[in-house]
Amino acid sequence: MKPRLARGFTLIELLVTLAILGLLSALVIPVAQVTIQRRNEQELREALRDIRHAIDAYKQAYDEGRIPKGMLGSSGYPKNLEVLVEGVADQRNPKRAKIYFLRRIPRDPFNADSNVSPTQSWGKRSYASEADEPREGEDVYDVFTLSDRTGLNGVPYRKW
């Protein structure tokens, strides 16, 4: 009589395979989390750069006389972020064509509340406030994230 050939896996082979899969998945999850955080940080950098560039372009247009000078003591910065999207009439253009500074206001990638508008997802600093303690005022001089998290570089996102 021929001996019967064993088919299938032994219990030890299955346990070793499961241990290897568990080890690999334990390594993949943190890498995936860091990758997601890195992507969000890149989106934050781009959004901050775009908004700050638009605020600076608004101020430059104000200084050049392309935006009407409002009240005395006006800083020349936009009253709110919506003005950057809505545009303002160019005082140097005979047809008073509008100058647009942003197509849309980007959303803060670290603000998880989807019920707030992109404008409300940002913290705003007025020209009159200190850099260490930013607060809103009659204009928008700068924006920052409202997240309390810290970046991969060790700097809190609010300081970016």
N, C-alpha and C. Protein backbone atom coordinates (compact mmCIF):
# COMPACT_ATOMS: atom_id res chain seq x y z
N MET A 1 0.81 -1.17 0.00
CA MET A 1 0.00 0.00 0.00
C MET A 1 0.87 1.25 0.00
N LYS A 2 0.51 2.20 -0.84
CA LYS A 2 1.26 3.46 -0.90
C LYS A 2 0.80 4.37 0.23
N PRO A 3 1.76 5.05 0.82
CA PRO A 3 1.34 6.01 1.85
C PRO A 3 0.62 7.20 1.21
N ARG A 4 -0.31 7.73 1.93
CA ARG A 4 -1.13 8.84 1.43
C ARG A 4 -0.33 10.14 1.55
N LEU A 5 -0.31 10.91 0.47
CA LEU A 5 0.41 12.18 0.49
C LEU A 5 -0.39 13.21 1.27
N ALA A 6 0.29 13.94 2.12
CA ALA A 6 -0.39 14.97 2.92
C ALA A 6 -0.72 16.16 2.03
N ARG A 7 -1.91 16.65 2.21
CA ARG A 7 -2.34 17.82 1.45
C ARG A 7 -2.69 18.92 2.43
N GLY A 8 -2.50 20.18 1.98
CA GLY A 8 -2.86 21.31 2.83
C GLY A 8 -1.67 21.78 3.65
N PHE A 9 -1.96 22.69 4.58
CA PHE A 9 -0.93 23.29 5.41
C PHE A 9 -1.03 22.77 6.83
N THR A 10 0.09 22.76 7.49
CA THR A 10 0.06 22.38 8.90
C THR A 10 -0.31 23.61 9.71
N LEU A 11 -0.66 23.39 10.95
CA LEU A 11 -1.04 24.49 11.83
C LEU A 11 0.11 25.46 12.02
N ILE A 12 1.29 24.98 12.12
CA ILE A 12 2.47 25.83 12.31
C ILE A 12 2.70 26.71 11.08
N GLU A 13 2.55 26.17 9.90
CA GLU A 13 2.70 26.95 8.68
C GLU A 13 1.67 28.08 8.63
N LEU A 14 0.46 27.78 9.00
CA LEU A 14 -0.59 28.82 9.01
C LEU A 14 -0.28 29.90 10.04
N LEU A 15 0.18 29.53 11.23
CA LEU A 15 0.50 30.52 12.26
C LEU A 15 1.68 31.40 11.84
N VAL A 16 2.68 30.83 11.23
CA VAL A 16 3.82 31.61 10.75
C VAL A 16 3.38 32.58 9.67
N THR A 17 2.53 32.14 8.77
CA THR A 17 2.02 33.02 7.71
C THR A 17 1.21 34.17 8.30
N LEU A 18 0.35 33.89 9.27
CA LEU A 18 -0.44 34.93 9.92
C LEU A 18 0.45 35.91 10.68
N ALA A 19 1.48 35.42 11.31
CA ALA A 19 2.40 36.30 12.03
C ALA A 19 3.13 37.23 11.07
N ILE A 20 3.54 36.73 9.93
CA ILE A 20 4.21 37.56 8.93
C ILE A 20 3.26 38.61 8.38
N LEU A 21 2.02 38.23 8.07
CA LEU A 21 1.02 39.19 7.59
C LEU A 21 0.71 40.25 8.63
N GLY A 22 0.61 39.85 9.88
CA GLY A 22 0.37 40.81 10.96
C GLY A 22 1.51 41.80 11.10
N LEU A 23 2.72 41.32 10.99
CA LEU A 23 3.89 42.19 11.07
C LEU A 23 3.92 43.18 9.91
N LEU A 24 3.65 42.71 8.72
CA LEU A 24 3.64 43.60 7.55
C LEU A 24 2.55 44.66 7.66
N SER A 25 1.36 44.27 8.12
CA SER A 25 0.28 45.26 8.26
C SER A 25 0.58 46.25 9.37
N ALA A 26 1.27 45.82 10.41
CA ALA A 26 1.65 46.74 11.49
C ALA A 26 2.66 47.77 10.98
N LEU A 27 3.43 47.43 9.99
CA LEU A 27 4.39 48.38 9.41
C LEU A 27 3.73 49.30 8.39
N VAL A 28 2.73 48.81 7.68
CA VAL A 28 2.10 49.59 6.62
C VAL A 28 1.19 50.69 7.17
N ILE A 29 0.47 50.44 8.23
CA ILE A 29 -0.49 51.41 8.75
C ILE A 29 0.17 52.73 9.16
N PRO A 30 1.25 52.73 9.94
CA PRO A 30 1.89 54.02 10.27
C PRO A 30 2.44 54.75 9.04
N VAL A 31 2.95 54.01 8.08
CA VAL A 31 3.47 54.63 6.86
C VAL A 31 2.32 55.29 6.10
N ALA A 32 1.17 54.65 6.06
CA ALA A 32 0.01 55.23 5.38
C ALA A 32 -0.46 56.49 6.11
N GLN A 33 -0.45 56.48 7.44
CA GLN A 33 -0.86 57.65 8.20
C GLN A 33 0.08 58.83 7.96
N VAL A 34 1.37 58.57 7.91
CA VAL A 34 2.34 59.63 7.65
C VAL A 34 2.18 60.17 6.24
N THR A 35 1.87 59.29 5.29
CA THR A 35 1.66 59.71 3.91
C THR A 35 0.45 60.63 3.82
N ILE A 36 -0.63 60.30 4.51
CA ILE A 36 -1.83 61.15 4.52
C ILE A 36 -1.51 62.49 5.17
N GLN A 37 -0.79 62.47 6.28
CA GLN A 37 -0.43 63.72 6.95
C GLN A 37 0.46 64.58 6.05
N ARG A 38 1.38 63.96 5.36
CA ARG A 38 2.26 64.69 4.44
C ARG A 38 1.45 65.35 3.32
N ARG A 39 0.47 64.62 2.79
CA ARG A 39 -0.38 65.17 1.73
C ARG A 39 -1.18 66.36 2.25
N ASN A 40 -1.74 66.25 3.46
CA ASN A 40 -2.49 67.36 4.05
C ASN A 40 -1.58 68.56 4.32
N GLU A 41 -0.35 68.30 4.74
CA GLU A 41 0.59 69.39 4.97
C GLU A 41 0.91 70.11 3.66
N GLN A 42 1.05 69.35 2.59
CA GLN A 42 1.32 69.97 1.28
C GLN A 42 0.13 70.81 0.85
N GLU A 43 -1.09 70.31 1.05
CA GLU A 43 -2.29 71.09 0.73
C GLU A 43 -2.35 72.36 1.57
N LEU A 44 -1.98 72.26 2.85
CA LEU A 44 -1.97 73.43 3.73
C LEU A 44 -0.97 74.46 3.23
N ARG A 45 0.23 74.03 2.88
CA ARG A 45 1.24 74.95 2.37
C ARG A 45 0.75 75.69 1.12
N GLU A 46 0.16 74.92 0.20
CA GLU A 46 -0.33 75.52 -1.05
C GLU A 46 -1.47 76.50 -0.78
N ALA A 47 -2.40 76.12 0.09
CA ALA A 47 -3.54 77.00 0.39
C ALA A 47 -3.07 78.29 1.06
N LEU A 48 -2.17 78.17 2.04
CA LEU A 48 -1.64 79.36 2.70
C LEU A 48 -0.90 80.25 1.71
N ARG A 49 -0.10 79.64 0.84
CA ARG A 49 0.64 80.42 -0.15
C ARG A 49 -0.32 81.15 -1.09
N ASP A 50 -1.37 80.46 -1.56
CA ASP A 50 -2.32 81.08 -2.49
C ASP A 50 -3.06 82.25 -1.84
N ILE A 51 -3.56 82.02 -0.62
CA ILE A 51 -4.32 83.08 0.05
C ILE A 51 -3.41 84.26 0.38
N ARG A 52 -2.24 83.98 0.89
CA ARG A 52 -1.31 85.07 1.25
C ARG A 52 -0.86 85.85 0.02
N HIS A 53 -0.66 85.14 -1.09
CA HIS A 53 -0.29 85.82 -2.33
C HIS A 53 -1.44 86.73 -2.78
N ALA A 54 -2.68 86.26 -2.67
CA ALA A 54 -3.83 87.08 -3.06
C ALA A 54 -3.98 88.30 -2.16
N ILE A 55 -3.75 88.13 -0.86
CA ILE A 55 -3.82 89.27 0.08
C ILE A 55 -2.75 90.29 -0.29
N ASP A 56 -1.55 89.82 -0.59
CA ASP A 56 -0.46 90.73 -0.96
C ASP A 56 -0.76 91.44 -2.29
N ALA A 57 -1.35 90.72 -3.24
CA ALA A 57 -1.71 91.34 -4.52
C ALA A 57 -2.79 92.40 -4.33
N TYR A 58 -3.73 92.15 -3.43
CA TYR A 58 -4.77 93.14 -3.10
C TYR A 58 -4.12 94.40 -2.52
N LYS A 59 -3.20 94.21 -1.59
CA LYS A 59 -2.51 95.35 -0.96
C LYS A 59 -1.71 96.13 -2.00
N GLN A 60 -1.05 95.42 -2.91
CA GLN A 60 -0.27 96.09 -3.95
C GLN A 60 -1.19 96.90 -4.86
N ALA A 61 -2.33 96.33 -5.24
CA ALA A 61 -3.30 97.06 -6.07
C ALA A 61 -3.82 98.29 -5.33
N TYR A 62 -4.02 98.17 -4.04
CA TYR A 62 -4.46 99.31 -3.22
C TYR A 62 -3.40 100.40 -3.22
N ASP A 63 -2.14 100.01 -3.03
CA ASP A 63 -1.03 100.97 -3.00
C ASP A 63 -0.84 101.65 -4.36
N GLU A 64 -1.15 100.93 -5.44
CA GLU A 64 -1.02 101.50 -6.79
C GLU A 64 -2.21 102.37 -7.16
N GLY A 65 -3.21 102.44 -6.31
CA GLY A 65 -4.39 103.25 -6.61
C GLY A 65 -5.42 102.57 -7.49
N ARG A 66 -5.30 101.27 -7.66
CA ARG A 66 -6.26 100.54 -8.49
C ARG A 66 -7.53 100.19 -7.71
N ILE A 67 -7.44 100.23 -6.39
CA ILE A 67 -8.59 99.97 -5.52
C ILE A 67 -8.89 101.27 -4.81
N PRO A 68 -10.17 101.66 -4.76
CA PRO A 68 -10.49 102.95 -4.15
C PRO A 68 -10.05 103.01 -2.69
N LYS A 69 -9.45 104.13 -2.35
CA LYS A 69 -9.03 104.34 -0.97
C LYS A 69 -10.30 104.57 -0.15
N GLY A 70 -10.47 103.75 0.86
CA GLY A 70 -11.67 103.85 1.69
C GLY A 70 -11.55 104.94 2.72
N MET A 71 -11.72 104.57 3.95
CA MET A 71 -11.67 105.52 5.05
C MET A 71 -10.23 105.89 5.36
N LEU A 72 -10.06 107.01 6.04
CA LEU A 72 -8.73 107.39 6.51
C LEU A 72 -8.26 106.34 7.51
N GLY A 73 -7.00 106.05 7.47
CA GLY A 73 -6.45 105.06 8.38
C GLY A 73 -6.65 103.64 7.90
N SER A 74 -7.19 103.47 6.71
CA SER A 74 -7.38 102.13 6.17
C SER A 74 -6.01 101.52 5.88
N SER A 75 -5.86 100.26 6.22
CA SER A 75 -4.57 99.59 6.05
C SER A 75 -4.31 99.20 4.61
N GLY A 76 -5.35 99.10 3.80
CA GLY A 76 -5.17 98.68 2.42
C GLY A 76 -5.32 97.19 2.23
N TYR A 77 -5.60 96.48 3.28
CA TYR A 77 -5.82 95.03 3.18
C TYR A 77 -7.30 94.76 3.03
N PRO A 78 -7.67 93.60 2.46
CA PRO A 78 -9.10 93.33 2.23
C PRO A 78 -9.89 93.24 3.54
N LYS A 79 -11.15 93.63 3.47
CA LYS A 79 -12.02 93.59 4.66
C LYS A 79 -12.33 92.14 5.05
N ASN A 80 -12.41 91.26 4.05
CA ASN A 80 -12.67 89.84 4.30
C ASN A 80 -12.10 89.04 3.14
N LEU A 81 -12.10 87.74 3.28
CA LEU A 81 -11.54 86.88 2.23
C LEU A 81 -12.42 86.81 0.99
N GLU A 82 -13.72 87.02 1.16
CA GLU A 82 -14.64 86.94 0.03
C GLU A 82 -14.32 87.99 -1.03
N VAL A 83 -13.80 89.15 -0.61
CA VAL A 83 -13.46 90.22 -1.55
C VAL A 83 -12.44 89.74 -2.57
N LEU A 84 -11.57 88.83 -2.17
CA LEU A 84 -10.54 88.33 -3.07
C LEU A 84 -11.15 87.52 -4.21
N VAL A 85 -12.29 86.89 -3.96
CA VAL A 85 -12.97 86.10 -4.98
C VAL A 85 -13.96 86.95 -5.76
N GLU A 86 -14.69 87.81 -5.07
CA GLU A 86 -15.70 88.66 -5.71
C GLU A 86 -15.08 89.71 -6.62
N GLY A 87 -13.88 90.15 -6.27
CA GLY A 87 -13.19 91.15 -7.07
C GLY A 87 -13.60 92.57 -6.71
N VAL A 88 -12.80 93.52 -7.17
CA VAL A 88 -13.06 94.94 -6.95
C VAL A 88 -12.86 95.68 -8.26
N ALA A 89 -13.56 96.79 -8.41
CA ALA A 89 -13.45 97.59 -9.63
C ALA A 89 -12.07 98.24 -9.71
N ASP A 90 -11.45 98.12 -10.87
CA ASP A 90 -10.13 98.71 -11.10
C ASP A 90 -10.31 100.20 -11.40
N GLN A 91 -9.80 101.05 -10.52
CA GLN A 91 -9.96 102.49 -10.67
C GLN A 91 -9.16 103.07 -11.83
N ARG A 92 -8.16 102.35 -12.28
CA ARG A 92 -7.34 102.82 -13.40
C ARG A 92 -7.91 102.40 -14.74
N ASN A 93 -8.82 101.46 -14.75
CA ASN A 93 -9.42 100.98 -15.98
C ASN A 93 -10.62 101.85 -16.31
N PRO A 94 -10.68 102.42 -17.53
CA PRO A 94 -11.81 103.28 -17.88
C PRO A 94 -13.16 102.56 -17.80
N LYS A 95 -13.17 101.28 -18.05
CA LYS A 95 -14.42 100.52 -17.99
C LYS A 95 -14.71 99.99 -16.59
N ARG A 96 -13.81 100.24 -15.64
CA ARG A 96 -13.95 99.78 -14.25
C ARG A 96 -14.10 98.26 -14.19
N ALA A 97 -13.33 97.57 -15.03
CA ALA A 97 -13.35 96.11 -15.00
C ALA A 97 -12.87 95.64 -13.63
N LYS A 98 -13.38 94.51 -13.20
CA LYS A 98 -13.02 93.99 -11.89
C LYS A 98 -11.65 93.31 -11.90
N ILE A 99 -10.97 93.44 -10.78
CA ILE A 99 -9.72 92.73 -10.55
C ILE A 99 -10.05 91.57 -9.61
N TYR A 100 -9.71 90.35 -10.02
CA TYR A 100 -9.95 89.17 -9.19
C TYR A 100 -8.60 88.67 -8.68
N PHE A 101 -8.57 88.26 -7.43
CA PHE A 101 -7.32 87.83 -6.81
C PHE A 101 -7.28 86.32 -6.56
N LEU A 102 -8.44 85.70 -6.43
CA LEU A 102 -8.54 84.24 -6.25
C LEU A 102 -9.75 83.73 -7.03
N ARG A 103 -9.66 82.52 -7.54
CA ARG A 103 -10.82 81.89 -8.18
C ARG A 103 -11.79 81.36 -7.13
N ARG A 104 -11.20 80.81 -6.09
CA ARG A 104 -11.99 80.30 -4.97
C ARG A 104 -11.11 80.31 -3.74
N ILE A 105 -11.74 80.31 -2.59
CA ILE A 105 -10.98 80.26 -1.35
C ILE A 105 -10.77 78.79 -1.00
N PRO A 106 -9.52 78.36 -0.90
CA PRO A 106 -9.28 76.95 -0.56
C PRO A 106 -9.69 76.65 0.88
N ARG A 107 -10.09 75.42 1.11
CA ARG A 107 -10.48 74.98 2.45
C ARG A 107 -9.23 74.56 3.23
N ASP A 108 -9.26 74.80 4.52
CA ASP A 108 -8.17 74.34 5.40
C ASP A 108 -8.23 72.82 5.45
N PRO A 109 -7.19 72.11 5.01
CA PRO A 109 -7.24 70.64 4.98
C PRO A 109 -7.29 70.01 6.37
N PHE A 110 -6.94 70.76 7.41
CA PHE A 110 -6.96 70.20 8.76
C PHE A 110 -8.24 70.57 9.51
N ASN A 111 -9.15 71.25 8.87
CA ASN A 111 -10.44 71.56 9.49
C ASN A 111 -11.42 70.47 9.07
N ALA A 112 -11.79 69.63 10.01
CA ALA A 112 -12.63 68.46 9.71
C ALA A 112 -14.10 68.79 9.59
N ASP A 113 -14.53 69.97 10.04
CA ASP A 113 -15.95 70.34 10.02
C ASP A 113 -16.36 70.72 8.60
N SER A 114 -17.09 69.84 7.93
CA SER A 114 -17.49 70.09 6.55
C SER A 114 -18.68 71.05 6.47
N ASN A 115 -19.27 71.42 7.60
CA ASN A 115 -20.42 72.34 7.59
C ASN A 115 -20.01 73.80 7.49
N VAL A 116 -18.75 74.11 7.77
CA VAL A 116 -18.30 75.50 7.69
C VAL A 116 -17.82 75.79 6.27
N SER A 117 -17.97 77.03 5.87
CA SER A 117 -17.52 77.43 4.54
C SER A 117 -16.00 77.47 4.52
N PRO A 118 -15.40 77.44 3.33
CA PRO A 118 -13.94 77.54 3.26
C PRO A 118 -13.40 78.80 3.95
N THR A 119 -14.13 79.89 3.87
CA THR A 119 -13.69 81.13 4.51
C THR A 119 -13.65 80.97 6.03
N GLN A 120 -14.65 80.29 6.58
CA GLN A 120 -14.73 80.12 8.03
C GLN A 120 -13.77 79.05 8.54
N SER A 121 -13.18 78.26 7.65
CA SER A 121 -12.27 77.21 8.10
C SER A 121 -10.91 77.77 8.51
N TRP A 122 -10.65 79.03 8.18
CA TRP A 122 -9.36 79.65 8.49
C TRP A 122 -9.47 80.60 9.67
N GLY A 123 -8.37 80.73 10.41
CA GLY A 123 -8.24 81.79 11.38
C GLY A 123 -7.71 83.02 10.65
N LYS A 124 -8.16 84.19 11.05
CA LYS A 124 -7.75 85.42 10.36
C LYS A 124 -7.06 86.36 11.34
N ARG A 125 -6.04 87.03 10.85
CA ARG A 125 -5.30 88.01 11.65
C ARG A 125 -5.45 89.36 10.98
N SER A 126 -5.82 90.35 11.76
CA SER A 126 -5.92 91.70 11.22
C SER A 126 -4.57 92.38 11.28
N TYR A 127 -4.47 93.48 10.55
CA TYR A 127 -3.22 94.24 10.50
C TYR A 127 -2.87 94.80 11.88
N ALA A 128 -3.88 95.10 12.68
CA ALA A 128 -3.66 95.72 13.99
C ALA A 128 -3.27 94.72 15.07
N SER A 129 -3.39 93.43 14.83
CA SER A 129 -3.10 92.45 15.87
C SER A 129 -1.64 92.01 15.84
N GLU A 130 -1.20 91.50 16.97
CA GLU A 130 0.18 91.03 17.10
C GLU A 130 0.33 89.65 16.47
N ALA A 131 1.53 89.34 16.01
CA ALA A 131 1.78 88.04 15.38
C ALA A 131 1.67 86.90 16.38
N ASP A 132 2.07 87.14 17.64
CA ASP A 132 2.02 86.09 18.65
C ASP A 132 0.60 85.77 19.09
N GLU A 133 -0.29 86.75 19.03
CA GLU A 133 -1.69 86.58 19.43
C GLU A 133 -2.60 87.11 18.32
N PRO A 134 -2.70 86.37 17.21
CA PRO A 134 -3.51 86.87 16.10
C PRO A 134 -5.00 86.91 16.46
N ARG A 135 -5.66 87.97 16.02
CA ARG A 135 -7.11 88.07 16.21
C ARG A 135 -7.71 88.81 15.02
N GLU A 136 -9.00 88.59 14.82
CA GLU A 136 -9.69 89.24 13.72
C GLU A 136 -9.91 90.70 14.03
N GLY A 137 -10.08 91.48 12.98
CA GLY A 137 -10.32 92.90 13.12
C GLY A 137 -11.05 93.43 11.91
N GLU A 138 -10.74 94.67 11.53
CA GLU A 138 -11.46 95.29 10.43
C GLU A 138 -10.92 94.89 9.05
N ASP A 139 -9.82 94.16 9.01
CA ASP A 139 -9.27 93.70 7.73
C ASP A 139 -8.65 92.32 7.92
N VAL A 140 -8.16 91.76 6.81
CA VAL A 140 -7.48 90.45 6.85
C VAL A 140 -6.05 90.67 6.37
N TYR A 141 -5.13 90.58 7.30
CA TYR A 141 -3.71 90.76 7.00
C TYR A 141 -3.03 89.42 6.75
N ASP A 142 -3.52 88.37 7.42
CA ASP A 142 -2.92 87.04 7.28
C ASP A 142 -3.96 85.99 7.66
N VAL A 143 -3.71 84.76 7.28
CA VAL A 143 -4.56 83.63 7.65
C VAL A 143 -3.69 82.54 8.27
N PHE A 144 -4.32 81.70 9.06
CA PHE A 144 -3.62 80.58 9.68
C PHE A 144 -4.64 79.47 9.91
N THR A 145 -4.14 78.27 10.10
CA THR A 145 -5.02 77.14 10.38
C THR A 145 -5.46 77.19 11.83
N LEU A 146 -6.65 76.66 12.09
CA LEU A 146 -7.17 76.60 13.45
C LEU A 146 -6.81 75.29 14.14
N SER A 147 -6.07 74.42 13.45
CA SER A 147 -5.69 73.12 13.99
C SER A 147 -4.69 73.28 15.12
N ASP A 148 -4.85 72.43 16.15
CA ASP A 148 -3.91 72.42 17.27
C ASP A 148 -2.81 71.39 17.08
N ARG A 149 -2.82 70.71 15.95
CA ARG A 149 -1.84 69.66 15.69
C ARG A 149 -0.47 70.23 15.37
N THR A 150 0.52 69.36 15.42
CA THR A 150 1.90 69.72 15.10
C THR A 150 2.33 69.00 13.84
N GLY A 151 3.09 69.69 13.01
CA GLY A 151 3.54 69.12 11.75
C GLY A 151 4.64 68.09 11.94
N LEU A 152 4.95 67.40 10.87
CA LEU A 152 6.01 66.40 10.89
C LEU A 152 7.37 67.05 11.18
N ASN A 153 7.47 68.36 10.93
CA ASN A 153 8.72 69.08 11.20
C ASN A 153 8.81 69.58 12.64
N GLY A 154 7.79 69.30 13.46
CA GLY A 154 7.80 69.69 14.86
C GLY A 154 7.23 71.09 15.13
N VAL A 155 6.83 71.80 14.09
CA VAL A 155 6.27 73.15 14.24
C VAL A 155 4.75 73.05 14.23
N PRO A 156 4.05 73.67 15.20
CA PRO A 156 2.59 73.65 15.18
C PRO A 156 2.06 74.28 13.89
N TYR A 157 1.00 73.70 13.35
CA TYR A 157 0.43 74.19 12.09
C TYR A 157 0.01 75.66 12.19
N ARG A 158 -0.40 76.12 13.36
CA ARG A 158 -0.82 77.52 13.53
C ARG A 158 0.33 78.50 13.24
N LYS A 159 1.56 78.03 13.38
CA LYS A 159 2.72 78.90 13.18
C LYS A 159 3.21 78.93 11.73
N TRP A 160 2.61 78.13 10.86
CA TRP A 160 3.05 78.06 9.47
C TRP A 160 2.73 79.33 8.75
